[in-house]
Structure formats: C-alpha cells, structure tokens
Amino acid sequence: MKQSAIILSVLLMVSALAFGQNIQKGDFAASDAKEGWSLAQGTGDRTHIEFITFDRPFADIPKLVVTLTGYEATPGTGGAVRIQLAPEKITKAGCVIKVRTWGDSKVNAVWGSYMAFGK
C-alpha cells in the first residue's frame, strides 16, 4: 500500500472514531477462478461483480473506501493495464465492488481492500 493510502486510512479511522462511528475493513480477491470472470478474454468494456458482506450491519448506509492492492494482468496496446474498482449498491449489510477493464487489457486477477465507516 502506498504511503498516501496508509495516511488516508489512518486519518479516516481517527476521524471516524472521534465521531463515534463503526469501522469495518476487509480484503477481497477476484480472479479467473470465479464463475462469470470475463476480464481475461476479449476486448472492450468488461466487468466482474464482487459481493462484500460486512461482519456486522451498520445502522445507516456507511461510507466506503476501496483500494487496489495487487493485480495480475497482460498489458494491452502500448503496454497499458486498465483496471478500475468502484463500490456500488452500498447498503447497511454490504456492497458490490465492480471490477472493470477495457480496451485489449487481459486481467487475470485483482486483490483489494475496503474500509467502511458509519453509524
């Protein structure tokens, strides 16, 4: 994890604790071993949906930070590796993390972390 991501994580945890918020964090992995993985084949816009369930439901919909911690991919044209992680459909009990690639990048696996905070 880059130093700036670590600093951001610490600042978010300190501010959440100062305001009496619940903090939950975890890791996820998604790869071509999972059913429906299409990021390693073809070209164009391709997505994979990863479901996250929080350890304990929040009282309100939490804020969420998602980071990419690693990947295995074959670069596309010009050496570009295209990967995007986006949290979606955040509820009190969990969320969806959308893993996306495009162009001719071939993504075999991604690893990431999340931090959810709220009441």
PDB file of N, CA and C in Angstrom:
ATOM      1  N   MET A   1       0.854  -1.170   0.000  1.00  0.00           N
ATOM      2  CA  MET A   1       0.000   0.000   0.000  1.00  0.00           C
ATOM      3  C   MET A   1       0.901   1.235   0.000  1.00  0.00           C
ATOM      4  N   LYS A   2       0.568   2.199  -0.826  1.00  0.00           N
ATOM      5  CA  LYS A   2       1.373   3.415  -0.884  1.00  0.00           C
ATOM      6  C   LYS A   2       1.226   4.222   0.403  1.00  0.00           C
ATOM      7  N   GLN A   3       2.240   5.048   0.669  1.00  0.00           N
ATOM      8  CA  GLN A   3       2.248   5.841   1.894  1.00  0.00           C
ATOM      9  C   GLN A   3       1.023   6.752   1.969  1.00  0.00           C
ATOM     10  N   SER A   4       0.614   7.348   0.837  1.00  0.00           N
ATOM     11  CA  SER A   4      -0.546   8.243   0.852  1.00  0.00           C
ATOM     12  C   SER A   4      -1.826   7.482   1.204  1.00  0.00           C
ATOM     13  N   ALA A   5      -1.951   6.223   0.742  1.00  0.00           N
ATOM     14  CA  ALA A   5      -3.125   5.422   1.075  1.00  0.00           C
ATOM     15  C   ALA A   5      -3.138   5.067   2.556  1.00  0.00           C
ATOM     16  N   ILE A   6      -1.966   4.788   3.113  1.00  0.00           N
ATOM     17  CA  ILE A   6      -1.872   4.487   4.546  1.00  0.00           C
ATOM     18  C   ILE A   6      -2.261   5.704   5.372  1.00  0.00           C
ATOM     19  N   ILE A   7      -1.759   6.864   4.990  1.00  0.00           N
ATOM     20  CA  ILE A   7      -2.092   8.104   5.708  1.00  0.00           C
ATOM     21  C   ILE A   7      -3.586   8.372   5.632  1.00  0.00           C
ATOM     22  N   LEU A   8      -4.185   8.201   4.438  1.00  0.00           N
ATOM     23  CA  LEU A   8      -5.622   8.408   4.283  1.00  0.00           C
ATOM     24  C   LEU A   8      -6.401   7.445   5.172  1.00  0.00           C
ATOM     25  N   SER A   9      -5.988   6.178   5.213  1.00  0.00           N
ATOM     26  CA  SER A   9      -6.662   5.187   6.047  1.00  0.00           C
ATOM     27  C   SER A   9      -6.612   5.578   7.519  1.00  0.00           C
ATOM     28  N   VAL A  10      -5.453   6.009   7.983  1.00  0.00           N
ATOM     29  CA  VAL A  10      -5.295   6.416   9.376  1.00  0.00           C
ATOM     30  C   VAL A  10      -6.172   7.631   9.686  1.00  0.00           C
ATOM     31  N   LEU A  11      -6.167   8.614   8.800  1.00  0.00           N
ATOM     32  CA  LEU A  11      -6.991   9.811   9.011  1.00  0.00           C
ATOM     33  C   LEU A  11      -8.475   9.471   9.053  1.00  0.00           C
ATOM     34  N   LEU A  12      -8.918   8.589   8.173  1.00  0.00           N
ATOM     35  CA  LEU A  12     -10.326   8.192   8.171  1.00  0.00           C
ATOM     36  C   LEU A  12     -10.684   7.455   9.453  1.00  0.00           C
ATOM     37  N   MET A  13      -9.806   6.570   9.911  1.00  0.00           N
ATOM     38  CA  MET A  13     -10.094   5.834  11.145  1.00  0.00           C
ATOM     39  C   MET A  13     -10.123   6.757  12.349  1.00  0.00           C
ATOM     40  N   VAL A  14      -9.199   7.699  12.440  1.00  0.00           N
ATOM     41  CA  VAL A  14      -9.165   8.627  13.571  1.00  0.00           C
ATOM     42  C   VAL A  14     -10.413   9.498  13.583  1.00  0.00           C
ATOM     43  N   SER A  15     -10.791  10.033  12.414  1.00  0.00           N
ATOM     44  CA  SER A  15     -11.977  10.898  12.368  1.00  0.00           C
ATOM     45  C   SER A  15     -13.245  10.094  12.654  1.00  0.00           C
ATOM     46  N   ALA A  16     -13.320   8.857  12.165  1.00  0.00           N
ATOM     47  CA  ALA A  16     -14.494   8.032  12.436  1.00  0.00           C
ATOM     48  C   ALA A  16     -14.612   7.719  13.919  1.00  0.00           C
ATOM     49  N   LEU A  17     -13.502   7.378  14.539  1.00  0.00           N
ATOM     50  CA  LEU A  17     -13.524   7.092  15.978  1.00  0.00           C
ATOM     51  C   LEU A  17     -13.894   8.325  16.787  1.00  0.00           C
ATOM     52  N   ALA A  18     -13.412   9.489  16.354  1.00  0.00           N
ATOM     53  CA  ALA A  18     -13.704  10.738  17.067  1.00  0.00           C
ATOM     54  C   ALA A  18     -15.201  11.042  17.049  1.00  0.00           C
ATOM     55  N   PHE A  19     -15.891  10.609  16.017  1.00  0.00           N
ATOM     56  CA  PHE A  19     -17.324  10.883  15.909  1.00  0.00           C
ATOM     57  C   PHE A  19     -18.166   9.662  16.268  1.00  0.00           C
ATOM     58  N   GLY A  20     -17.561   8.688  16.946  1.00  0.00           N
ATOM     59  CA  GLY A  20     -18.299   7.522  17.426  1.00  0.00           C
ATOM     60  C   GLY A  20     -18.825   6.615  16.334  1.00  0.00           C
ATOM     61  N   GLN A  21     -18.087   6.469  15.277  1.00  0.00           N
ATOM     62  CA  GLN A  21     -18.555   5.658  14.165  1.00  0.00           C
ATOM     63  C   GLN A  21     -17.978   4.242  14.226  1.00  0.00           C
ATOM     64  N   ASN A  22     -18.683   3.340  13.593  1.00  0.00           N
ATOM     65  CA  ASN A  22     -18.288   1.954  13.450  1.00  0.00           C
ATOM     66  C   ASN A  22     -17.361   1.857  12.237  1.00  0.00           C
ATOM     67  N   ILE A  23     -16.253   1.137  12.369  1.00  0.00           N
ATOM     68  CA  ILE A  23     -15.321   0.951  11.260  1.00  0.00           C
ATOM     69  C   ILE A  23     -15.166  -0.545  11.007  1.00  0.00           C
ATOM     70  N   GLN A  24     -15.302  -0.938   9.763  1.00  0.00           N
ATOM     71  CA  GLN A  24     -15.059  -2.318   9.382  1.00  0.00           C
ATOM     72  C   GLN A  24     -14.181  -2.314   8.146  1.00  0.00           C
ATOM     73  N   LYS A  25     -13.234  -3.247   8.094  1.00  0.00           N
ATOM     74  CA  LYS A  25     -12.363  -3.325   6.929  1.00  0.00           C
ATOM     75  C   LYS A  25     -12.165  -4.780   6.551  1.00  0.00           C
ATOM     76  N   GLY A  26     -11.760  -4.979   5.332  1.00  0.00           N
ATOM     77  CA  GLY A  26     -11.537  -6.338   4.869  1.00  0.00           C
ATOM     78  C   GLY A  26     -10.808  -6.350   3.546  1.00  0.00           C
ATOM     79  N   ASP A  27     -10.519  -7.537   3.086  1.00  0.00           N
ATOM     80  CA  ASP A  27      -9.833  -7.742   1.822  1.00  0.00           C
ATOM     81  C   ASP A  27     -10.706  -8.584   0.907  1.00  0.00           C
ATOM     82  N   PHE A  28     -10.444  -8.497  -0.386  1.00  0.00           N
ATOM     83  CA  PHE A  28     -11.151  -9.338  -1.343  1.00  0.00           C
ATOM     84  C   PHE A  28     -10.196  -9.721  -2.465  1.00  0.00           C
ATOM     85  N   ALA A  29     -10.534 -10.801  -3.125  1.00  0.00           N
ATOM     86  CA  ALA A  29      -9.763 -11.267  -4.274  1.00  0.00           C
ATOM     87  C   ALA A  29     -10.755 -11.743  -5.329  1.00  0.00           C
ATOM     88  N   ALA A  30     -10.456 -11.444  -6.552  1.00  0.00           N
ATOM     89  CA  ALA A  30     -11.298 -11.881  -7.662  1.00  0.00           C
ATOM     90  C   ALA A  30     -10.375 -12.317  -8.792  1.00  0.00           C
ATOM     91  N   SER A  31     -10.721 -13.444  -9.430  1.00  0.00           N
ATOM     92  CA  SER A  31      -9.841 -13.957 -10.476  1.00  0.00           C
ATOM     93  C   SER A  31     -10.618 -14.802 -11.472  1.00  0.00           C
ATOM     94  N   ASP A  32      -9.871 -15.302 -12.462  1.00  0.00           N
ATOM     95  CA  ASP A  32     -10.479 -16.152 -13.478  1.00  0.00           C
ATOM     96  C   ASP A  32     -10.965 -17.485 -12.900  1.00  0.00           C
ATOM     97  N   ALA A  33     -10.670 -17.770 -11.626  1.00  0.00           N
ATOM     98  CA  ALA A  33     -11.187 -18.965 -10.958  1.00  0.00           C
ATOM     99  C   ALA A  33     -12.649 -18.778 -10.535  1.00  0.00           C
ATOM    100  N   LYS A  34     -13.127 -17.532 -10.548  1.00  0.00           N
ATOM    101  CA  LYS A  34     -14.513 -17.252 -10.144  1.00  0.00           C
ATOM    102  C   LYS A  34     -15.458 -17.363 -11.341  1.00  0.00           C
ATOM    103  N   GLU A  35     -16.639 -17.862 -11.060  1.00  0.00           N
ATOM    104  CA  GLU A  35     -17.656 -18.000 -12.097  1.00  0.00           C
ATOM    105  C   GLU A  35     -18.020 -16.633 -12.664  1.00  0.00           C
ATOM    106  N   GLY A  36     -18.118 -16.541 -13.972  1.00  0.00           N
ATOM    107  CA  GLY A  36     -18.517 -15.302 -14.619  1.00  0.00           C
ATOM    108  C   GLY A  36     -17.383 -14.332 -14.905  1.00  0.00           C
ATOM    109  N   TRP A  37     -16.145 -14.688 -14.559  1.00  0.00           N
ATOM    110  CA  TRP A  37     -14.999 -13.798 -14.800  1.00  0.00           C
ATOM    111  C   TRP A  37     -14.773 -13.695 -16.307  1.00  0.00           C
ATOM    112  N   SER A  38     -14.810 -12.491 -16.845  1.00  0.00           N
ATOM    113  CA  SER A  38     -14.627 -12.297 -18.290  1.00  0.00           C
ATOM    114  C   SER A  38     -13.526 -11.286 -18.601  1.00  0.00           C
ATOM    115  N   LEU A  39     -12.755 -10.884 -17.603  1.00  0.00           N
ATOM    116  CA  LEU A  39     -11.769  -9.828 -17.798  1.00  0.00           C
ATOM    117  C   LEU A  39     -10.485 -10.310 -18.469  1.00  0.00           C
ATOM    118  N   ALA A  40     -10.305 -11.624 -18.586  1.00  0.00           N
ATOM    119  CA  ALA A  40      -9.088 -12.163 -19.188  1.00  0.00           C
ATOM    120  C   ALA A  40      -9.271 -12.513 -20.663  1.00  0.00           C
ATOM    121  N   GLN A  41     -10.494 -12.365 -21.175  1.00  0.00           N
ATOM    122  CA  GLN A  41     -10.759 -12.679 -22.573  1.00  0.00           C
ATOM    123  C   GLN A  41     -11.392 -11.490 -23.275  1.00  0.00           C
ATOM    124  N   GLY A  42     -11.243 -11.476 -24.585  1.00  0.00           N
ATOM    125  CA  GLY A  42     -11.936 -10.499 -25.405  1.00  0.00           C
ATOM    126  C   GLY A  42     -11.349  -9.104 -25.321  1.00  0.00           C
ATOM    127  N   THR A  43     -12.116  -8.162 -25.860  1.00  0.00           N
ATOM    128  CA  THR A  43     -11.730  -6.757 -25.850  1.00  0.00           C
ATOM    129  C   THR A  43     -12.952  -5.926 -25.510  1.00  0.00           C
ATOM    130  N   GLY A  44     -12.718  -4.641 -25.311  1.00  0.00           N
ATOM    131  CA  GLY A  44     -13.813  -3.732 -24.984  1.00  0.00           C
ATOM    132  C   GLY A  44     -14.087  -3.703 -23.492  1.00  0.00           C
ATOM    133  N   ASP A  45     -15.196  -3.094 -23.126  1.00  0.00           N
ATOM    134  CA  ASP A  45     -15.584  -2.921 -21.729  1.00  0.00           C
ATOM    135  C   ASP A  45     -16.055  -4.254 -21.151  1.00  0.00           C
ATOM    136  N   ARG A  46     -15.405  -4.718 -20.077  1.00  0.00           N
ATOM    137  CA  ARG A  46     -15.765  -5.959 -19.402  1.00  0.00           C
ATOM    138  C   ARG A  46     -15.778  -5.727 -17.900  1.00  0.00           C
ATOM    139  N   THR A  47     -16.725  -6.332 -17.203  1.00  0.00           N
ATOM    140  CA  THR A  47     -16.832  -6.129 -15.753  1.00  0.00           C
ATOM    141  C   THR A  47     -17.025  -7.452 -15.021  1.00  0.00           C
ATOM    142  N   HIS A  48     -16.667  -7.417 -13.752  1.00  0.00           N
ATOM    143  CA  HIS A  48     -16.931  -8.517 -12.826  1.00  0.00           C
ATOM    144  C   HIS A  48     -17.489  -7.886 -11.556  1.00  0.00           C
ATOM    145  N   ILE A  49     -18.475  -8.520 -10.973  1.00  0.00           N
ATOM    146  CA  ILE A  49     -19.098  -8.027  -9.743  1.00  0.00           C
ATOM    147  C   ILE A  49     -18.657  -8.903  -8.576  1.00  0.00           C
ATOM    148  N   GLU A  50     -18.112  -8.253  -7.545  1.00  0.00           N
ATOM    149  CA  GLU A  50     -17.663  -8.937  -6.324  1.00  0.00           C
ATOM    150  C   GLU A  50     -18.568  -8.494  -5.173  1.00  0.00           C
ATOM    151  N   PHE A  51     -19.199  -9.443  -4.479  1.00  0.00           N
ATOM    152  CA  PHE A  51     -20.113  -9.134  -3.388  1.00  0.00           C
ATOM    153  C   PHE A  51     -19.373  -9.129  -2.058  1.00  0.00           C
ATOM    154  N   ILE A  52     -19.582  -8.090  -1.265  1.00  0.00           N
ATOM    155  CA  ILE A  52     -18.969  -7.944   0.050  1.00  0.00           C
ATOM    156  C   ILE A  52     -20.079  -7.902   1.094  1.00  0.00           C
ATOM    157  N   THR A  53     -19.962  -8.707   2.130  1.00  0.00           N
ATOM    158  CA  THR A  53     -20.893  -8.671   3.258  1.00  0.00           C
ATOM    159  C   THR A  53     -20.114  -8.206   4.479  1.00  0.00           C
ATOM    160  N   PHE A  54     -20.603  -7.153   5.134  1.00  0.00           N
ATOM    161  CA  PHE A  54     -19.933  -6.638   6.324  1.00  0.00           C
ATOM    162  C   PHE A  54     -20.093  -7.630   7.476  1.00  0.00           C
ATOM    163  N   ASP A  55     -19.141  -7.619   8.395  1.00  0.00           N
ATOM    164  CA  ASP A  55     -19.204  -8.515   9.557  1.00  0.00           C
ATOM    165  C   ASP A  55     -20.447  -8.249  10.396  1.00  0.00           C
ATOM    166  N   ARG A  56     -20.772  -6.970  10.559  1.00  0.00           N
ATOM    167  CA  ARG A  56     -21.961  -6.541  11.301  1.00  0.00           C
ATOM    168  C   ARG A  56     -22.652  -5.452  10.482  1.00  0.00           C
ATOM    169  N   PRO A  57     -23.962  -5.511  10.365  1.00  0.00           N
ATOM    170  CA  PRO A  57     -24.660  -4.445   9.635  1.00  0.00           C
ATOM    171  C   PRO A  57     -24.494  -3.098  10.338  1.00  0.00           C
ATOM    172  N   PHE A  58     -24.441  -2.048   9.554  1.00  0.00           N
ATOM    173  CA  PHE A  58     -24.397  -0.685  10.079  1.00  0.00           C
ATOM    174  C   PHE A  58     -25.818  -0.204  10.362  1.00  0.00           C
ATOM    175  N   ALA A  59     -25.957   0.799  11.215  1.00  0.00           N
ATOM    176  CA  ALA A  59     -27.270   1.396  11.496  1.00  0.00           C
ATOM    177  C   ALA A  59     -27.723   2.257  10.315  1.00  0.00           C
ATOM    178  N   ASP A  60     -26.766   2.886   9.638  1.00  0.00           N
ATOM    179  CA  ASP A  60     -27.035   3.700   8.448  1.00  0.00           C
ATOM    180  C   ASP A  60     -26.116   3.220   7.332  1.00  0.00           C
ATOM    181  N   ILE A  61     -26.376   3.638   6.118  1.00  0.00           N
ATOM    182  CA  ILE A  61     -25.514   3.268   4.996  1.00  0.00           C
ATOM    183  C   ILE A  61     -24.137   3.894   5.214  1.00  0.00           C
ATOM    184  N   PRO A  62     -23.082   3.075   5.238  1.00  0.00           N
ATOM    185  CA  PRO A  62     -21.743   3.591   5.541  1.00  0.00           C
ATOM    186  C   PRO A  62     -21.071   4.248   4.330  1.00  0.00           C
ATOM    187  N   LYS A  63     -20.027   4.989   4.608  1.00  0.00           N
ATOM    188  CA  LYS A  63     -19.119   5.481   3.581  1.00  0.00           C
ATOM    189  C   LYS A  63     -18.141   4.354   3.313  1.00  0.00           C
ATOM    190  N   LEU A  64     -17.614   4.280   2.097  1.00  0.00           N
ATOM    191  CA  LEU A  64     -16.753   3.161   1.744  1.00  0.00           C
ATOM    192  C   LEU A  64     -15.555   3.639   0.938  1.00  0.00           C
ATOM    193  N   VAL A  65     -14.383   3.123   1.282  1.00  0.00           N
ATOM    194  CA  VAL A  65     -13.153   3.382   0.546  1.00  0.00           C
ATOM    195  C   VAL A  65     -12.645   2.036   0.033  1.00  0.00           C
ATOM    196  N   VAL A  66     -12.337   1.968  -1.267  1.00  0.00           N
ATOM    197  CA  VAL A  66     -11.834   0.741  -1.880  1.00  0.00           C
ATOM    198  C   VAL A  66     -10.467   1.024  -2.477  1.00  0.00           C
ATOM    199  N   THR A  67      -9.505   0.118  -2.246  1.00  0.00           N
ATOM    200  CA  THR A  67      -8.170   0.280  -2.820  1.00  0.00           C
ATOM    201  C   THR A  67      -7.764  -0.998  -3.550  1.00  0.00           C
ATOM    202  N   LEU A  68      -7.005  -0.823  -4.606  1.00  0.00           N
ATOM    203  CA  LEU A  68      -6.415  -1.928  -5.350  1.00  0.00           C
ATOM    204  C   LEU A  68      -5.067  -2.231  -4.704  1.00  0.00           C
ATOM    205  N   THR A  69      -4.863  -3.477  -4.249  1.00  0.00           N
ATOM    206  CA  THR A  69      -3.605  -3.820  -3.601  1.00  0.00           C
ATOM    207  C   THR A  69      -2.712  -4.688  -4.479  1.00  0.00           C
ATOM    208  N   GLY A  70      -3.262  -5.253  -5.541  1.00  0.00           N
ATOM    209  CA  GLY A  70      -2.453  -6.047  -6.449  1.00  0.00           C
ATOM    210  C   GLY A  70      -3.258  -6.510  -7.644  1.00  0.00           C
ATOM    211  N   TYR A  71      -2.555  -6.931  -8.679  1.00  0.00           N
ATOM    212  CA  TYR A  71      -3.226  -7.469  -9.854  1.00  0.00           C
ATOM    213  C   TYR A  71      -2.260  -8.339 -10.647  1.00  0.00           C
ATOM    214  N   GLU A  72      -2.844  -9.210 -11.472  1.00  0.00           N
ATOM    215  CA  GLU A  72      -2.099  -9.996 -12.443  1.00  0.00           C
ATOM    216  C   GLU A  72      -2.775  -9.753 -13.780  1.00  0.00           C
ATOM    217  N   ALA A  73      -2.027  -9.211 -14.727  1.00  0.00           N
ATOM    218  CA  ALA A  73      -2.635  -8.847 -15.999  1.00  0.00           C
ATOM    219  C   ALA A  73      -1.617  -8.891 -17.123  1.00  0.00           C
ATOM    220  N   THR A  74      -2.128  -9.009 -18.344  1.00  0.00           N
ATOM    221  CA  THR A  74      -1.321  -8.898 -19.547  1.00  0.00           C
ATOM    222  C   THR A  74      -1.627  -7.540 -20.150  1.00  0.00           C
ATOM    223  N   PRO A  75      -0.614  -6.709 -20.334  1.00  0.00           N
ATOM    224  CA  PRO A  75      -0.865  -5.369 -20.880  1.00  0.00           C
ATOM    225  C   PRO A  75      -1.475  -5.423 -22.275  1.00  0.00           C
ATOM    226  N   GLY A  76      -2.241  -4.408 -22.562  1.00  0.00           N
ATOM    227  CA  GLY A  76      -2.822  -4.262 -23.885  1.00  0.00           C
ATOM    228  C   GLY A  76      -1.919  -3.414 -24.765  1.00  0.00           C
ATOM    229  N   THR A  77      -2.504  -2.817 -25.756  1.00  0.00           N
ATOM    230  CA  THR A  77      -1.786  -1.974 -26.701  1.00  0.00           C
ATOM    231  C   THR A  77      -1.003  -0.888 -25.975  1.00  0.00           C
ATOM    232  N   GLY A  78       0.240  -0.728 -26.365  1.00  0.00           N
ATOM    233  CA  GLY A  78       1.064   0.313 -25.765  1.00  0.00           C
ATOM    234  C   GLY A  78       1.487   0.016 -24.344  1.00  0.00           C
ATOM    235  N   GLY A  79       1.289  -1.222 -23.885  1.00  0.00           N
ATOM    236  CA  GLY A  79       1.696  -1.596 -22.533  1.00  0.00           C
ATOM    237  C   GLY A  79       0.722  -1.179 -21.443  1.00  0.00           C
ATOM    238  N   ALA A  80      -0.464  -0.750 -21.801  1.00  0.00           N
ATOM    239  CA  ALA A  80      -1.438  -0.276 -20.805  1.00  0.00           C
ATOM    240  C   ALA A  80      -2.136  -1.441 -20.109  1.00  0.00           C
ATOM    241  N   VAL A  81      -2.238  -1.348 -18.784  1.00  0.00           N
ATOM    242  CA  VAL A  81      -3.068  -2.251 -17.989  1.00  0.00           C
ATOM    243  C   VAL A  81      -4.208  -1.396 -17.461  1.00  0.00           C
ATOM    244  N   ARG A  82      -5.406  -1.769 -17.815  1.00  0.00           N
ATOM    245  CA  ARG A  82      -6.575  -0.952 -17.465  1.00  0.00           C
ATOM    246  C   ARG A  82      -7.418  -1.691 -16.425  1.00  0.00           C
ATOM    247  N   ILE A  83      -7.484  -1.130 -15.218  1.00  0.00           N
ATOM    248  CA  ILE A  83      -8.273  -1.724 -14.130  1.00  0.00           C
ATOM    249  C   ILE A  83      -8.948  -0.591 -13.358  1.00  0.00           C
ATOM    250  N   GLN A  84     -10.216  -0.777 -13.076  1.00  0.00           N
ATOM    251  CA  GLN A  84     -10.948   0.182 -12.247  1.00  0.00           C
ATOM    252  C   GLN A  84     -11.755  -0.598 -11.216  1.00  0.00           C
ATOM    253  N   LEU A  85     -11.717  -0.136  -9.963  1.00  0.00           N
ATOM    254  CA  LEU A  85     -12.551  -0.679  -8.898  1.00  0.00           C
ATOM    255  C   LEU A  85     -13.530   0.408  -8.481  1.00  0.00           C
ATOM    256  N   ALA A  86     -14.790   0.051  -8.345  1.00  0.00           N
ATOM    257  CA  ALA A  86     -15.799   1.038  -7.945  1.00  0.00           C
ATOM    258  C   ALA A  86     -16.811   0.395  -7.006  1.00  0.00           C
ATOM    259  N   PRO A  87     -16.991   0.964  -5.800  1.00  0.00           N
ATOM    260  CA  PRO A  87     -18.035   0.444  -4.916  1.00  0.00           C
ATOM    261  C   PRO A  87     -19.402   0.900  -5.425  1.00  0.00           C
ATOM    262  N   GLU A  88     -20.359  -0.005  -5.402  1.00  0.00           N
ATOM    263  CA  GLU A  88     -21.718   0.302  -5.848  1.00  0.00           C
ATOM    264  C   GLU A  88     -22.714  -0.389  -4.933  1.00  0.00           C
ATOM    265  N   LYS A  89     -23.948   0.037  -5.012  1.00  0.00           N
ATOM    266  CA  LYS A  89     -25.048  -0.589  -4.265  1.00  0.00           C
ATOM    267  C   LYS A  89     -24.684  -0.803  -2.798  1.00  0.00           C
ATOM    268  N   ILE A  90     -24.186   0.241  -2.166  1.00  0.00           N
ATOM    269  CA  ILE A  90     -23.789   0.155  -0.759  1.00  0.00           C
ATOM    270  C   ILE A  90     -25.047   0.133   0.110  1.00  0.00           C
ATOM    271  N   THR A  91     -25.143  -0.869   0.969  1.00  0.00           N
ATOM    272  CA  THR A  91     -26.268  -0.988   1.890  1.00  0.00           C
ATOM    273  C   THR A  91     -25.715  -1.072   3.316  1.00  0.00           C
ATOM    274  N   LYS A  92     -26.600  -1.189   4.271  1.00  0.00           N
ATOM    275  CA  LYS A  92     -26.180  -1.341   5.668  1.00  0.00           C
ATOM    276  C   LYS A  92     -25.463  -2.676   5.889  1.00  0.00           C
ATOM    277  N   ALA A  93     -25.751  -3.671   5.057  1.00  0.00           N
ATOM    278  CA  ALA A  93     -25.222  -5.022   5.251  1.00  0.00           C
ATOM    279  C   ALA A  93     -24.030  -5.370   4.360  1.00  0.00           C
ATOM    280  N   GLY A  94     -23.798  -4.596   3.308  1.00  0.00           N
ATOM    281  CA  GLY A  94     -22.708  -4.930   2.402  1.00  0.00           C
ATOM    282  C   GLY A  94     -22.695  -4.038   1.174  1.00  0.00           C
ATOM    283  N   CYS A  95     -21.978  -4.482   0.164  1.00  0.00           N
ATOM    284  CA  CYS A  95     -21.881  -3.696  -1.062  1.00  0.00           C
ATOM    285  C   CYS A  95     -21.434  -4.589  -2.212  1.00  0.00           C
ATOM    286  N   VAL A  96     -21.394  -3.992  -3.365  1.00  0.00           N
ATOM    287  CA  VAL A  96     -20.871  -4.621  -4.573  1.00  0.00           C
ATOM    288  C   VAL A  96     -19.633  -3.840  -4.966  1.00  0.00           C
ATOM    289  N   ILE A  97     -18.572  -4.552  -5.319  1.00  0.00           N
ATOM    290  CA  ILE A  97     -17.398  -3.890  -5.877  1.00  0.00           C
ATOM    291  C   ILE A  97     -17.323  -4.302  -7.338  1.00  0.00           C
ATOM    292  N   LYS A  98     -17.399  -3.315  -8.195  1.00  0.00           N
ATOM    293  CA  LYS A  98     -17.353  -3.546  -9.636  1.00  0.00           C
ATOM    294  C   LYS A  98     -15.894  -3.465 -10.084  1.00  0.00           C
ATOM    295  N   VAL A  99     -15.392  -4.560 -10.662  1.00  0.00           N
ATOM    296  CA  VAL A  99     -14.044  -4.614 -11.217  1.00  0.00           C
ATOM    297  C   VAL A  99     -14.202  -4.485 -12.726  1.00  0.00           C
ATOM    298  N   ARG A 100     -13.498  -3.535 -13.313  1.00  0.00           N
ATOM    299  CA  ARG A 100     -13.696  -3.226 -14.734  1.00  0.00           C
ATOM    300  C   ARG A 100     -12.360  -3.132 -15.460  1.00  0.00           C
ATOM    301  N   THR A 101     -12.355  -3.595 -16.705  1.00  0.00           N
ATOM    302  CA  THR A 101     -11.242  -3.346 -17.615  1.00  0.00           C
ATOM    303  C   THR A 101     -11.822  -3.008 -18.975  1.00  0.00           C
ATOM    304  N   TRP A 102     -11.001  -2.506 -19.862  1.00  0.00           N
ATOM    305  CA  TRP A 102     -11.465  -2.112 -21.189  1.00  0.00           C
ATOM    306  C   TRP A 102     -10.287  -2.185 -22.163  1.00  0.00           C
ATOM    307  N   GLY A 103     -10.584  -1.867 -23.421  1.00  0.00           N
ATOM    308  CA  GLY A 103      -9.556  -1.969 -24.448  1.00  0.00           C
ATOM    309  C   GLY A 103      -9.182  -3.430 -24.636  1.00  0.00           C
ATOM    310  N   ASP A 104      -7.882  -3.679 -24.831  1.00  0.00           N
ATOM    311  CA  ASP A 104      -7.439  -5.060 -25.033  1.00  0.00           C
ATOM    312  C   ASP A 104      -6.633  -5.596 -23.844  1.00  0.00           C
ATOM    313  N   SER A 105      -6.774  -4.981 -22.671  1.00  0.00           N
ATOM    314  CA  SER A 105      -6.126  -5.488 -21.454  1.00  0.00           C
ATOM    315  C   SER A 105      -6.730  -6.837 -21.082  1.00  0.00           C
ATOM    316  N   LYS A 106      -5.903  -7.717 -20.570  1.00  0.00           N
ATOM    317  CA  LYS A 106      -6.334  -9.034 -20.088  1.00  0.00           C
ATOM    318  C   LYS A 106      -6.004  -9.114 -18.602  1.00  0.00           C
ATOM    319  N   VAL A 107      -7.035  -9.079 -17.766  1.00  0.00           N
ATOM    320  CA  VAL A 107      -6.849  -9.096 -16.311  1.00  0.00           C
ATOM    321  C   VAL A 107      -7.199 -10.487 -15.795  1.00  0.00           C
ATOM    322  N   ASN A 108      -6.211 -11.149 -15.182  1.00  0.00           N
ATOM    323  CA  ASN A 108      -6.416 -12.496 -14.652  1.00  0.00           C
ATOM    324  C   ASN A 108      -6.865 -12.498 -13.200  1.00  0.00           C
ATOM    325  N   ALA A 109      -6.451 -11.494 -12.423  1.00  0.00           N
ATOM    326  CA  ALA A 109      -6.807 -11.448 -11.003  1.00  0.00           C
ATOM    327  C   ALA A 109      -6.603 -10.041 -10.460  1.00  0.00           C
ATOM    328  N   VAL A 110      -7.382  -9.686  -9.452  1.00  0.00           N
ATOM    329  CA  VAL A 110      -7.187  -8.441  -8.701  1.00  0.00           C
ATOM    330  C   VAL A 110      -7.338  -8.743  -7.221  1.00  0.00           C
ATOM    331  N   TRP A 111      -6.616  -7.978  -6.415  1.00  0.00           N
ATOM    332  CA  TRP A 111      -6.733  -8.047  -4.964  1.00  0.00           C
ATOM    333  C   TRP A 111      -6.984  -6.631  -4.475  1.00  0.00           C
ATOM    334  N   GLY A 112      -7.811  -6.504  -3.459  1.00  0.00           N
ATOM    335  CA  GLY A 112      -8.105  -5.180  -2.943  1.00  0.00           C
ATOM    336  C   GLY A 112      -8.499  -5.214  -1.484  1.00  0.00           C
ATOM    337  N   SER A 113      -8.650  -4.022  -0.944  1.00  0.00           N
ATOM    338  CA  SER A 113      -9.080  -3.834   0.438  1.00  0.00           C
ATOM    339  C   SER A 113     -10.210  -2.820   0.464  1.00  0.00           C
ATOM    340  N   TYR A 114     -11.007  -2.888   1.500  1.00  0.00           N
ATOM    341  CA  TYR A 114     -12.066  -1.893   1.677  1.00  0.00           C
ATOM    342  C   TYR A 114     -12.112  -1.475   3.134  1.00  0.00           C
ATOM    343  N   MET A 115     -12.612  -0.267   3.351  1.00  0.00           N
ATOM    344  CA  MET A 115     -12.868   0.238   4.692  1.00  0.00           C
ATOM    345  C   MET A 115     -14.225   0.913   4.660  1.00  0.00           C
ATOM    346  N   ALA A 116     -15.119   0.444   5.508  1.00  0.00           N
ATOM    347  CA  ALA A 116     -16.452   1.025   5.620  1.00  0.00           C
ATOM    348  C   ALA A 116     -16.571   1.670   6.980  1.00  0.00           C
ATOM    349  N   PHE A 117     -17.140   2.877   7.013  1.00  0.00           N
ATOM    350  CA  PHE A 117     -17.326   3.545   8.301  1.00  0.00           C
ATOM    351  C   PHE A 117     -18.648   4.293   8.311  1.00  0.00           C
ATOM    352  N   GLY A 118     -19.301   4.240   9.445  1.00  0.00           N
ATOM    353  CA  GLY A 118     -20.587   4.892   9.626  1.00  0.00           C
ATOM    354  C   GLY A 118     -21.153   4.550  10.989  1.00  0.00           C
ATOM    355  N   LYS A 119     -22.392   4.877  11.211  1.00  0.00           N
ATOM    356  CA  LYS A 119     -23.050   4.611  12.495  1.00  0.00           C
ATOM    357  C   LYS A 119     -23.592   3.193  12.517  1.00  0.00           C
TER     358      LYS A 119
END
